Amino acid sequence: FAEKEPTLAALSARVASTDEELSALLTTVWHRALYACDPPTSE
């Protein structure tokens, strides 16, 4: 958002194009780091 790096922006557009998708992806990383597993498939 601040630097608007084109490479990272292009990657984000491919894997998580909305704020909600980006939050879900990054929160899965948080969940894996803290709980050593993926979140439930329902979430």
ModelCIF file with pLDDT and N, C-alpha, C, O atoms, coordinates in Angstrom:
data_MODEL
#
_entry.id   MODEL 
#
_entity.id                         1 
_entity.type                       polymer 
_entity.pdbx_number_of_molecules   1 
#
_entity_poly.entity_id                      1 
_entity_poly.type                           'polypeptide(L)' 
_entity_poly.nstd_linkage                   no 
_entity_poly.nstd_monomer                   no 
_entity_poly.pdbx_seq_one_letter_code       FAEKEPTLAALSARVASTDEELSALLTTVWHRALYACDPPTSE 
_entity_poly.pdbx_seq_one_letter_code_can   FAEKEPTLAALSARVASTDEELSALLTTVWHRALYACDPPTSE 
_entity_poly.pdbx_strand_id                 A 
#
loop_
_entity_poly_seq.entity_id 
_entity_poly_seq.num 
_entity_poly_seq.mon_id 
_entity_poly_seq.hetero 
1 1  PHE n 
1 2  ALA n 
1 3  GLU n 
1 4  LYS n 
1 5  GLU n 
1 6  PRO n 
1 7  THR n 
1 8  LEU n 
1 9  ALA n 
1 10 ALA n 
1 11 LEU n 
1 12 SER n 
1 13 ALA n 
1 14 ARG n 
1 15 VAL n 
1 16 ALA n 
1 17 SER n 
1 18 THR n 
1 19 ASP n 
1 20 GLU n 
1 21 GLU n 
1 22 LEU n 
1 23 SER n 
1 24 ALA n 
1 25 LEU n 
1 26 LEU n 
1 27 THR n 
1 28 THR n 
1 29 VAL n 
1 30 TRP n 
1 31 HIS n 
1 32 ARG n 
1 33 ALA n 
1 34 LEU n 
1 35 TYR n 
1 36 ALA n 
1 37 CYS n 
1 38 ASP n 
1 39 PRO n 
1 40 PRO n 
1 41 THR n 
1 42 SER n 
1 43 GLU n 
#
_struct_asym.id          A 
_struct_asym.entity_id   1 
#
loop_
_ma_qa_metric.id 
_ma_qa_metric.mode 
_ma_qa_metric.name 
_ma_qa_metric.software_group_id 
_ma_qa_metric.type 
1 global pLDDT . pLDDT 
2 local  pLDDT . pLDDT 
#
_ma_qa_metric_global.metric_id      1 
_ma_qa_metric_global.metric_value   94.26 
_ma_qa_metric_global.model_id       1 
_ma_qa_metric_global.ordinal_id     1 
#
loop_
_ma_qa_metric_local.label_asym_id 
_ma_qa_metric_local.label_comp_id 
_ma_qa_metric_local.label_seq_id 
_ma_qa_metric_local.metric_id 
_ma_qa_metric_local.metric_value 
_ma_qa_metric_local.model_id 
_ma_qa_metric_local.ordinal_id 
A PHE 1  2 94.00 1 1  
A ALA 2  2 89.00 1 2  
A GLU 3  2 89.00 1 3  
A LYS 4  2 91.00 1 4  
A GLU 5  2 95.00 1 5  
A PRO 6  2 97.00 1 6  
A THR 7  2 97.00 1 7  
A LEU 8  2 97.00 1 8  
A ALA 9  2 96.00 1 9  
A ALA 10 2 97.00 1 10 
A LEU 11 2 96.00 1 11 
A SER 12 2 96.00 1 12 
A ALA 13 2 96.00 1 13 
A ARG 14 2 96.00 1 14 
A VAL 15 2 95.00 1 15 
A ALA 16 2 95.00 1 16 
A SER 17 2 94.00 1 17 
A THR 18 2 96.00 1 18 
A ASP 19 2 96.00 1 19 
A GLU 20 2 96.00 1 20 
A GLU 21 2 96.00 1 21 
A LEU 22 2 96.00 1 22 
A SER 23 2 96.00 1 23 
A ALA 24 2 95.00 1 24 
A LEU 25 2 96.00 1 25 
A LEU 26 2 96.00 1 26 
A THR 27 2 96.00 1 27 
A THR 28 2 95.00 1 28 
A VAL 29 2 96.00 1 29 
A TRP 30 2 96.00 1 30 
A HIS 31 2 95.00 1 31 
A ARG 32 2 95.00 1 32 
A ALA 33 2 96.00 1 33 
A LEU 34 2 95.00 1 34 
A TYR 35 2 95.00 1 35 
A ALA 36 2 92.00 1 36 
A CYS 37 2 91.00 1 37 
A ASP 38 2 91.00 1 38 
A PRO 39 2 92.00 1 39 
A PRO 40 2 90.00 1 40 
A THR 41 2 88.00 1 41 
A SER 42 2 88.00 1 42 
A GLU 43 2 89.00 1 43 
#
loop_
_atom_site.group_PDB 
_atom_site.id 
_atom_site.type_symbol 
_atom_site.label_atom_id 
_atom_site.label_alt_id 
_atom_site.label_comp_id 
_atom_site.label_asym_id 
_atom_site.label_entity_id 
_atom_site.label_seq_id 
_atom_site.pdbx_PDB_ins_code 
_atom_site.Cartn_x 
_atom_site.Cartn_y 
_atom_site.Cartn_z 
_atom_site.occupancy 
_atom_site.B_iso_or_equiv 
_atom_site.pdbx_formal_charge 
_atom_site.auth_seq_id 
_atom_site.auth_comp_id 
_atom_site.auth_asym_id 
_atom_site.auth_atom_id 
_atom_site.pdbx_PDB_model_num 
ATOM 1   N N  . PHE A 1 1  ? 0.800   -1.226  0.000  1.00 94.00 ? 1  PHE A N  1 
ATOM 2   C CA . PHE A 1 1  ? 0.000   0.000   0.000  1.00 94.00 ? 1  PHE A CA 1 
ATOM 3   C C  . PHE A 1 1  ? 0.834   1.277   0.000  1.00 94.00 ? 1  PHE A C  1 
ATOM 4   O O  . PHE A 1 1  ? 0.517   2.218   -0.728 1.00 94.00 ? 1  PHE A O  1 
ATOM 5   N N  . ALA A 1 2  ? 1.898   1.324   0.808  1.00 89.00 ? 2  ALA A N  1 
ATOM 6   C CA . ALA A 1 2  ? 2.707   2.543   0.881  1.00 89.00 ? 2  ALA A CA 1 
ATOM 7   C C  . ALA A 1 2  ? 3.702   2.635   -0.272 1.00 89.00 ? 2  ALA A C  1 
ATOM 8   O O  . ALA A 1 2  ? 3.815   3.675   -0.919 1.00 89.00 ? 2  ALA A O  1 
ATOM 9   N N  . GLU A 1 3  ? 4.424   1.539   -0.525 1.00 89.00 ? 3  GLU A N  1 
ATOM 10  C CA . GLU A 1 3  ? 5.433   1.540   -1.588 1.00 89.00 ? 3  GLU A CA 1 
ATOM 11  C C  . GLU A 1 3  ? 4.870   1.138   -2.944 1.00 89.00 ? 3  GLU A C  1 
ATOM 12  O O  . GLU A 1 3  ? 5.449   1.455   -3.983 1.00 89.00 ? 3  GLU A O  1 
ATOM 13  N N  . LYS A 1 4  ? 3.735   0.436   -2.931 1.00 91.00 ? 4  LYS A N  1 
ATOM 14  C CA . LYS A 1 4  ? 3.086   -0.016  -4.173 1.00 91.00 ? 4  LYS A CA 1 
ATOM 15  C C  . LYS A 1 4  ? 4.056   -0.769  -5.078 1.00 91.00 ? 4  LYS A C  1 
ATOM 16  O O  . LYS A 1 4  ? 4.181   -0.455  -6.262 1.00 91.00 ? 4  LYS A O  1 
ATOM 17  N N  . GLU A 1 5  ? 4.747   -1.770  -4.511 1.00 95.00 ? 5  GLU A N  1 
ATOM 18  C CA . GLU A 1 5  ? 5.701   -2.552  -5.294 1.00 95.00 ? 5  GLU A CA 1 
ATOM 19  C C  . GLU A 1 5  ? 4.957   -3.378  -6.339 1.00 95.00 ? 5  GLU A C  1 
ATOM 20  O O  . GLU A 1 5  ? 4.068   -4.152  -5.986 1.00 95.00 ? 5  GLU A O  1 
ATOM 21  N N  . PRO A 1 6  ? 5.302   -3.228  -7.616 1.00 97.00 ? 6  PRO A N  1 
ATOM 22  C CA . PRO A 1 6  ? 4.545   -3.903  -8.674 1.00 97.00 ? 6  PRO A CA 1 
ATOM 23  C C  . PRO A 1 6  ? 4.619   -5.425  -8.622 1.00 97.00 ? 6  PRO A C  1 
ATOM 24  O O  . PRO A 1 6  ? 3.626   -6.097  -8.902 1.00 97.00 ? 6  PRO A O  1 
ATOM 25  N N  . THR A 1 7  ? 5.778   -5.979  -8.268 1.00 97.00 ? 7  THR A N  1 
ATOM 26  C CA . THR A 1 7  ? 5.909   -7.438  -8.246 1.00 97.00 ? 7  THR A CA 1 
ATOM 27  C C  . THR A 1 7  ? 5.022   -8.049  -7.171 1.00 97.00 ? 7  THR A C  1 
ATOM 28  O O  . THR A 1 7  ? 4.301   -9.013  -7.427 1.00 97.00 ? 7  THR A O  1 
ATOM 29  N N  . LEU A 1 8  ? 5.079   -7.483  -5.961 1.00 97.00 ? 8  LEU A N  1 
ATOM 30  C CA . LEU A 1 8  ? 4.257   -7.997  -4.870 1.00 97.00 ? 8  LEU A CA 1 
ATOM 31  C C  . LEU A 1 8  ? 2.780   -7.747  -5.153 1.00 97.00 ? 8  LEU A C  1 
ATOM 32  O O  . LEU A 1 8  ? 1.942   -8.598  -4.854 1.00 97.00 ? 8  LEU A O  1 
ATOM 33  N N  . ALA A 1 9  ? 2.453   -6.596  -5.722 1.00 96.00 ? 9  ALA A N  1 
ATOM 34  C CA . ALA A 1 9  ? 1.057   -6.291  -6.050 1.00 96.00 ? 9  ALA A CA 1 
ATOM 35  C C  . ALA A 1 9  ? 0.515   -7.289  -7.067 1.00 96.00 ? 9  ALA A C  1 
ATOM 36  O O  . ALA A 1 9  ? -0.634  -7.719  -6.957 1.00 96.00 ? 9  ALA A O  1 
ATOM 37  N N  . ALA A 1 10 ? 1.327   -7.663  -8.056 1.00 97.00 ? 10 ALA A N  1 
ATOM 38  C CA . ALA A 1 10 ? 0.897   -8.636  -9.059 1.00 97.00 ? 10 ALA A CA 1 
ATOM 39  C C  . ALA A 1 10 ? 0.681   -10.011 -8.430 1.00 97.00 ? 10 ALA A C  1 
ATOM 40  O O  . ALA A 1 10 ? -0.273  -10.711 -8.769 1.00 97.00 ? 10 ALA A O  1 
ATOM 41  N N  . LEU A 1 11 ? 1.570   -10.394 -7.514 1.00 96.00 ? 11 LEU A N  1 
ATOM 42  C CA . LEU A 1 11 ? 1.404   -11.673 -6.817 1.00 96.00 ? 11 LEU A CA 1 
ATOM 43  C C  . LEU A 1 11 ? 0.134   -11.678 -5.983 1.00 96.00 ? 11 LEU A C  1 
ATOM 44  O O  . LEU A 1 11 ? -0.626  -12.646 -5.998 1.00 96.00 ? 11 LEU A O  1 
ATOM 45  N N  . SER A 1 12 ? -0.090  -10.601 -5.261 1.00 96.00 ? 12 SER A N  1 
ATOM 46  C CA . SER A 1 12 ? -1.281  -10.506 -4.422 1.00 96.00 ? 12 SER A CA 1 
ATOM 47  C C  . SER A 1 12 ? -2.542  -10.570 -5.270 1.00 96.00 ? 12 SER A C  1 
ATOM 48  O O  . SER A 1 12 ? -3.524  -11.200 -4.877 1.00 96.00 ? 12 SER A O  1 
ATOM 49  N N  . ALA A 1 13 ? -2.522  -9.928  -6.420 1.00 96.00 ? 13 ALA A N  1 
ATOM 50  C CA . ALA A 1 13 ? -3.690  -9.943  -7.300 1.00 96.00 ? 13 ALA A CA 1 
ATOM 51  C C  . ALA A 1 13 ? -4.013  -11.352 -7.772 1.00 96.00 ? 13 ALA A C  1 
ATOM 52  O O  . ALA A 1 13 ? -5.175  -11.672 -8.024 1.00 96.00 ? 13 ALA A O  1 
ATOM 53  N N  . ARG A 1 14 ? -2.996  -12.196 -7.893 1.00 96.00 ? 14 ARG A N  1 
ATOM 54  C CA . ARG A 1 14 ? -3.200  -13.574 -8.362 1.00 96.00 ? 14 ARG A CA 1 
ATOM 55  C C  . ARG A 1 14 ? -3.712  -14.489 -7.251 1.00 96.00 ? 14 ARG A C  1 
ATOM 56  O O  . ARG A 1 14 ? -4.555  -15.352 -7.497 1.00 96.00 ? 14 ARG A O  1 
ATOM 57  N N  . VAL A 1 15 ? -3.208  -14.305 -6.036 1.00 95.00 ? 15 VAL A N  1 
ATOM 58  C CA . VAL A 1 15 ? -3.538  -15.269 -4.968 1.00 95.00 ? 15 VAL A CA 1 
ATOM 59  C C  . VAL A 1 15 ? -4.525  -14.733 -3.942 1.00 95.00 ? 15 VAL A C  1 
ATOM 60  O O  . VAL A 1 15 ? -5.182  -15.515 -3.255 1.00 95.00 ? 15 VAL A O  1 
ATOM 61  N N  . ALA A 1 16 ? -4.642  -13.402 -3.825 1.00 95.00 ? 16 ALA A N  1 
ATOM 62  C CA . ALA A 1 16 ? -5.542  -12.802 -2.819 1.00 95.00 ? 16 ALA A CA 1 
ATOM 63  C C  . ALA A 1 16 ? -5.871  -11.396 -3.271 1.00 95.00 ? 16 ALA A C  1 
ATOM 64  O O  . ALA A 1 16 ? -5.244  -10.434 -2.827 1.00 95.00 ? 16 ALA A O  1 
ATOM 65  N N  . SER A 1 17 ? -6.850  -11.270 -4.148 1.00 94.00 ? 17 SER A N  1 
ATOM 66  C CA . SER A 1 17 ? -7.116  -9.995  -4.809 1.00 94.00 ? 17 SER A CA 1 
ATOM 67  C C  . SER A 1 17 ? -7.940  -9.018  -3.965 1.00 94.00 ? 17 SER A C  1 
ATOM 68  O O  . SER A 1 17 ? -7.987  -7.829  -4.281 1.00 94.00 ? 17 SER A O  1 
ATOM 69  N N  . THR A 1 18 ? -8.580  -9.491  -2.915 1.00 96.00 ? 18 THR A N  1 
ATOM 70  C CA . THR A 1 18 ? -9.362  -8.607  -2.047 1.00 96.00 ? 18 THR A CA 1 
ATOM 71  C C  . THR A 1 18 ? -8.753  -8.583  -0.649 1.00 96.00 ? 18 THR A C  1 
ATOM 72  O O  . THR A 1 18 ? -7.961  -9.454  -0.292 1.00 96.00 ? 18 THR A O  1 
ATOM 73  N N  . ASP A 1 19 ? -9.131  -7.575  0.140  1.00 96.00 ? 19 ASP A N  1 
ATOM 74  C CA . ASP A 1 19 ? -8.632  -7.497  1.514  1.00 96.00 ? 19 ASP A CA 1 
ATOM 75  C C  . ASP A 1 19 ? -9.051  -8.728  2.311  1.00 96.00 ? 19 ASP A C  1 
ATOM 76  O O  . ASP A 1 19 ? -8.291  -9.221  3.144  1.00 96.00 ? 19 ASP A O  1 
ATOM 77  N N  . GLU A 1 20 ? -10.256 -9.222  2.056  1.00 96.00 ? 20 GLU A N  1 
ATOM 78  C CA . GLU A 1 20 ? -10.751 -10.400 2.780  1.00 96.00 ? 20 GLU A CA 1 
ATOM 79  C C  . GLU A 1 20 ? -9.926  -11.643 2.427  1.00 96.00 ? 20 GLU A C  1 
ATOM 80  O O  . GLU A 1 20 ? -9.583  -12.436 3.304  1.00 96.00 ? 20 GLU A O  1 
ATOM 81  N N  . GLU A 1 21 ? -9.614  -11.805 1.146  1.00 96.00 ? 21 GLU A N  1 
ATOM 82  C CA . GLU A 1 21 ? -8.804  -12.952 0.732  1.00 96.00 ? 21 GLU A CA 1 
ATOM 83  C C  . GLU A 1 21 ? -7.380  -12.848 1.270  1.00 96.00 ? 21 GLU A C  1 
ATOM 84  O O  . GLU A 1 21 ? -6.789  -13.845 1.685  1.00 96.00 ? 21 GLU A O  1 
ATOM 85  N N  . LEU A 1 22 ? -6.836  -11.635 1.259  1.00 96.00 ? 22 LEU A N  1 
ATOM 86  C CA . LEU A 1 22 ? -5.487  -11.436 1.789  1.00 96.00 ? 22 LEU A CA 1 
ATOM 87  C C  . LEU A 1 22 ? -5.446  -11.735 3.280  1.00 96.00 ? 22 LEU A C  1 
ATOM 88  O O  . LEU A 1 22 ? -4.509  -12.371 3.764  1.00 96.00 ? 22 LEU A O  1 
ATOM 89  N N  . SER A 1 23 ? -6.456  -11.281 4.007  1.00 96.00 ? 23 SER A N  1 
ATOM 90  C CA . SER A 1 23 ? -6.503  -11.560 5.439  1.00 96.00 ? 23 SER A CA 1 
ATOM 91  C C  . SER A 1 23 ? -6.617  -13.058 5.701  1.00 96.00 ? 23 SER A C  1 
ATOM 92  O O  . SER A 1 23 ? -5.960  -13.585 6.598  1.00 96.00 ? 23 SER A O  1 
ATOM 93  N N  . ALA A 1 24 ? -7.455  -13.748 4.917  1.00 95.00 ? 24 ALA A N  1 
ATOM 94  C CA . ALA A 1 24 ? -7.625  -15.192 5.108  1.00 95.00 ? 24 ALA A CA 1 
ATOM 95  C C  . ALA A 1 24 ? -6.313  -15.936 4.856  1.00 95.00 ? 24 ALA A C  1 
ATOM 96  O O  . ALA A 1 24 ? -5.960  -16.848 5.603  1.00 95.00 ? 24 ALA A O  1 
ATOM 97  N N  . LEU A 1 25 ? -5.596  -15.545 3.804  1.00 96.00 ? 25 LEU A N  1 
ATOM 98  C CA . LEU A 1 25 ? -4.332  -16.214 3.490  1.00 96.00 ? 25 LEU A CA 1 
ATOM 99  C C  . LEU A 1 25 ? -3.291  -15.974 4.584  1.00 96.00 ? 25 LEU A C  1 
ATOM 100 O O  . LEU A 1 25 ? -2.655  -16.915 5.059  1.00 96.00 ? 25 LEU A O  1 
ATOM 101 N N  . LEU A 1 26 ? -3.121  -14.702 4.983  1.00 96.00 ? 26 LEU A N  1 
ATOM 102 C CA . LEU A 1 26 ? -2.123  -14.388 5.998  1.00 96.00 ? 26 LEU A CA 1 
ATOM 103 C C  . LEU A 1 26 ? -2.505  -14.951 7.367  1.00 96.00 ? 26 LEU A C  1 
ATOM 104 O O  . LEU A 1 26 ? -1.634  -15.331 8.150  1.00 96.00 ? 26 LEU A O  1 
ATOM 105 N N  . THR A 1 27 ? -3.807  -15.004 7.654  1.00 96.00 ? 27 THR A N  1 
ATOM 106 C CA . THR A 1 27 ? -4.242  -15.566 8.933  1.00 96.00 ? 27 THR A CA 1 
ATOM 107 C C  . THR A 1 27 ? -3.998  -17.069 8.971  1.00 96.00 ? 27 THR A C  1 
ATOM 108 O O  . THR A 1 27 ? -3.754  -17.624 10.042 1.00 96.00 ? 27 THR A O  1 
ATOM 109 N N  . THR A 1 28 ? -4.060  -17.733 7.833  1.00 95.00 ? 28 THR A N  1 
ATOM 110 C CA . THR A 1 28 ? -3.715  -19.153 7.792  1.00 95.00 ? 28 THR A CA 1 
ATOM 111 C C  . THR A 1 28 ? -2.251  -19.349 8.149  1.00 95.00 ? 28 THR A C  1 
ATOM 112 O O  . THR A 1 28 ? -1.899  -20.314 8.827  1.00 95.00 ? 28 THR A O  1 
ATOM 113 N N  . VAL A 1 29 ? -1.388  -18.427 7.691  1.00 96.00 ? 29 VAL A N  1 
ATOM 114 C CA . VAL A 1 29 ? 0.024   -18.471 8.081  1.00 96.00 ? 29 VAL A CA 1 
ATOM 115 C C  . VAL A 1 29 ? 0.158   -18.290 9.588  1.00 96.00 ? 29 VAL A C  1 
ATOM 116 O O  . VAL A 1 29 ? 0.921   -19.007 10.235 1.00 96.00 ? 29 VAL A O  1 
ATOM 117 N N  . TRP A 1 30 ? -0.588  -17.324 10.155 1.00 96.00 ? 30 TRP A N  1 
ATOM 118 C CA . TRP A 1 30 ? -0.596  -17.131 11.615 1.00 96.00 ? 30 TRP A CA 1 
ATOM 119 C C  . TRP A 1 30 ? -1.033  -18.420 12.317 1.00 96.00 ? 30 TRP A C  1 
ATOM 120 O O  . TRP A 1 30 ? -0.406  -18.853 13.284 1.00 96.00 ? 30 TRP A O  1 
ATOM 121 N N  . HIS A 1 31 ? -2.109  -19.021 11.823 1.00 95.00 ? 31 HIS A N  1 
ATOM 122 C CA . HIS A 1 31 ? -2.659  -20.220 12.456 1.00 95.00 ? 31 HIS A CA 1 
ATOM 123 C C  . HIS A 1 31 ? -1.650  -21.359 12.426 1.00 95.00 ? 31 HIS A C  1 
ATOM 124 O O  . HIS A 1 31 ? -1.474  -22.068 13.417 1.00 95.00 ? 31 HIS A O  1 
ATOM 125 N N  . ARG A 1 32 ? -0.991  -21.531 11.290 1.00 95.00 ? 32 ARG A N  1 
ATOM 126 C CA . ARG A 1 32 ? 0.012   -22.593 11.186 1.00 95.00 ? 32 ARG A CA 1 
ATOM 127 C C  . ARG A 1 32 ? 1.183   -22.362 12.141 1.00 95.00 ? 32 ARG A C  1 
ATOM 128 O O  . ARG A 1 32 ? 1.677   -23.297 12.771 1.00 95.00 ? 32 ARG A O  1 
ATOM 129 N N  . ALA A 1 33 ? 1.617   -21.107 12.238 1.00 96.00 ? 33 ALA A N  1 
ATOM 130 C CA . ALA A 1 33 ? 2.767   -20.801 13.089 1.00 96.00 ? 33 ALA A CA 1 
ATOM 131 C C  . ALA A 1 33 ? 2.449   -21.020 14.563 1.00 96.00 ? 33 ALA A C  1 
ATOM 132 O O  . ALA A 1 33 ? 3.293   -21.511 15.312 1.00 96.00 ? 33 ALA A O  1 
ATOM 133 N N  . LEU A 1 34 ? 1.243   -20.662 14.986 1.00 95.00 ? 34 LEU A N  1 
ATOM 134 C CA . LEU A 1 34 ? 0.888   -20.759 16.397 1.00 95.00 ? 34 LEU A CA 1 
ATOM 135 C C  . LEU A 1 34 ? 0.351   -22.131 16.797 1.00 95.00 ? 34 LEU A C  1 
ATOM 136 O O  . LEU A 1 34 ? 0.626   -22.611 17.897 1.00 95.00 ? 34 LEU A O  1 
ATOM 137 N N  . TYR A 1 35 ? -0.416  -22.763 15.903 1.00 95.00 ? 35 TYR A N  1 
ATOM 138 C CA . TYR A 1 35 ? -1.101  -24.009 16.262 1.00 95.00 ? 35 TYR A CA 1 
ATOM 139 C C  . TYR A 1 35 ? -0.621  -25.233 15.484 1.00 95.00 ? 35 TYR A C  1 
ATOM 140 O O  . TYR A 1 35 ? -1.134  -26.334 15.681 1.00 95.00 ? 35 TYR A O  1 
ATOM 141 N N  . ALA A 1 36 ? 0.368   -25.043 14.595 1.00 92.00 ? 36 ALA A N  1 
ATOM 142 C CA . ALA A 1 36 ? 0.979   -26.145 13.845 1.00 92.00 ? 36 ALA A CA 1 
ATOM 143 C C  . ALA A 1 36 ? -0.022  -26.943 13.019 1.00 92.00 ? 36 ALA A C  1 
ATOM 144 O O  . ALA A 1 36 ? 0.134   -28.153 12.862 1.00 92.00 ? 36 ALA A O  1 
ATOM 145 N N  . CYS A 1 37 ? -1.048  -26.280 12.490 1.00 91.00 ? 37 CYS A N  1 
ATOM 146 C CA . CYS A 1 37 ? -2.017  -26.944 11.618 1.00 91.00 ? 37 CYS A CA 1 
ATOM 147 C C  . CYS A 1 37 ? -2.806  -25.886 10.859 1.00 91.00 ? 37 CYS A C  1 
ATOM 148 O O  . CYS A 1 37 ? -2.824  -24.712 11.227 1.00 91.00 ? 37 CYS A O  1 
ATOM 149 N N  . ASP A 1 38 ? -3.458  -26.336 9.787  1.00 91.00 ? 38 ASP A N  1 
ATOM 150 C CA . ASP A 1 38 ? -4.353  -25.444 9.055  1.00 91.00 ? 38 ASP A CA 1 
ATOM 151 C C  . ASP A 1 38 ? -5.607  -25.199 9.886  1.00 91.00 ? 38 ASP A C  1 
ATOM 152 O O  . ASP A 1 38 ? -5.958  -26.021 10.732 1.00 91.00 ? 38 ASP A O  1 
ATOM 153 N N  . PRO A 1 39 ? -6.279  -24.088 9.655  1.00 92.00 ? 39 PRO A N  1 
ATOM 154 C CA . PRO A 1 39 ? -7.567  -23.865 10.335 1.00 92.00 ? 39 PRO A CA 1 
ATOM 155 C C  . PRO A 1 39 ? -8.610  -24.836 9.807  1.00 92.00 ? 39 PRO A C  1 
ATOM 156 O O  . PRO A 1 39 ? -8.396  -25.430 8.751  1.00 92.00 ? 39 PRO A O  1 
ATOM 157 N N  . PRO A 1 40 ? -9.723  -25.021 10.492 1.00 90.00 ? 40 PRO A N  1 
ATOM 158 C CA . PRO A 1 40 ? -10.779 -25.902 10.014 1.00 90.00 ? 40 PRO A CA 1 
ATOM 159 C C  . PRO A 1 40 ? -11.234 -25.493 8.611  1.00 90.00 ? 40 PRO A C  1 
ATOM 160 O O  . PRO A 1 40 ? -11.255 -24.306 8.287  1.00 90.00 ? 40 PRO A O  1 
ATOM 161 N N  . THR A 1 41 ? -11.590 -26.455 7.798  1.00 88.00 ? 41 THR A N  1 
ATOM 162 C CA . THR A 1 41 ? -12.009 -26.165 6.425  1.00 88.00 ? 41 THR A CA 1 
ATOM 163 C C  . THR A 1 41 ? -13.252 -25.292 6.377  1.00 88.00 ? 41 THR A C  1 
ATOM 164 O O  . THR A 1 41 ? -13.500 -24.624 5.374  1.00 88.00 ? 41 THR A O  1 
ATOM 165 N N  . SER A 1 42 ? -14.027 -25.289 7.435  1.00 88.00 ? 42 SER A N  1 
ATOM 166 C CA . SER A 1 42 ? -15.230 -24.459 7.463  1.00 88.00 ? 42 SER A CA 1 
ATOM 167 C C  . SER A 1 42 ? -14.892 -22.974 7.580  1.00 88.00 ? 42 SER A C  1 
ATOM 168 O O  . SER A 1 42 ? -15.738 -22.118 7.321  1.00 88.00 ? 42 SER A O  1 
ATOM 169 N N  . GLU A 1 43 ? -13.647 -22.671 7.972  1.00 89.00 ? 43 GLU A N  1 
ATOM 170 C CA . GLU A 1 43 ? -13.263 -21.282 8.177  1.00 89.00 ? 43 GLU A CA 1 
ATOM 171 C C  . GLU A 1 43 ? -12.327 -20.746 7.105  1.00 89.00 ? 43 GLU A C  1 
ATOM 172 O O  . GLU A 1 43 ? -11.927 -19.583 7.161  1.00 89.00 ? 43 GLU A O  1 
#
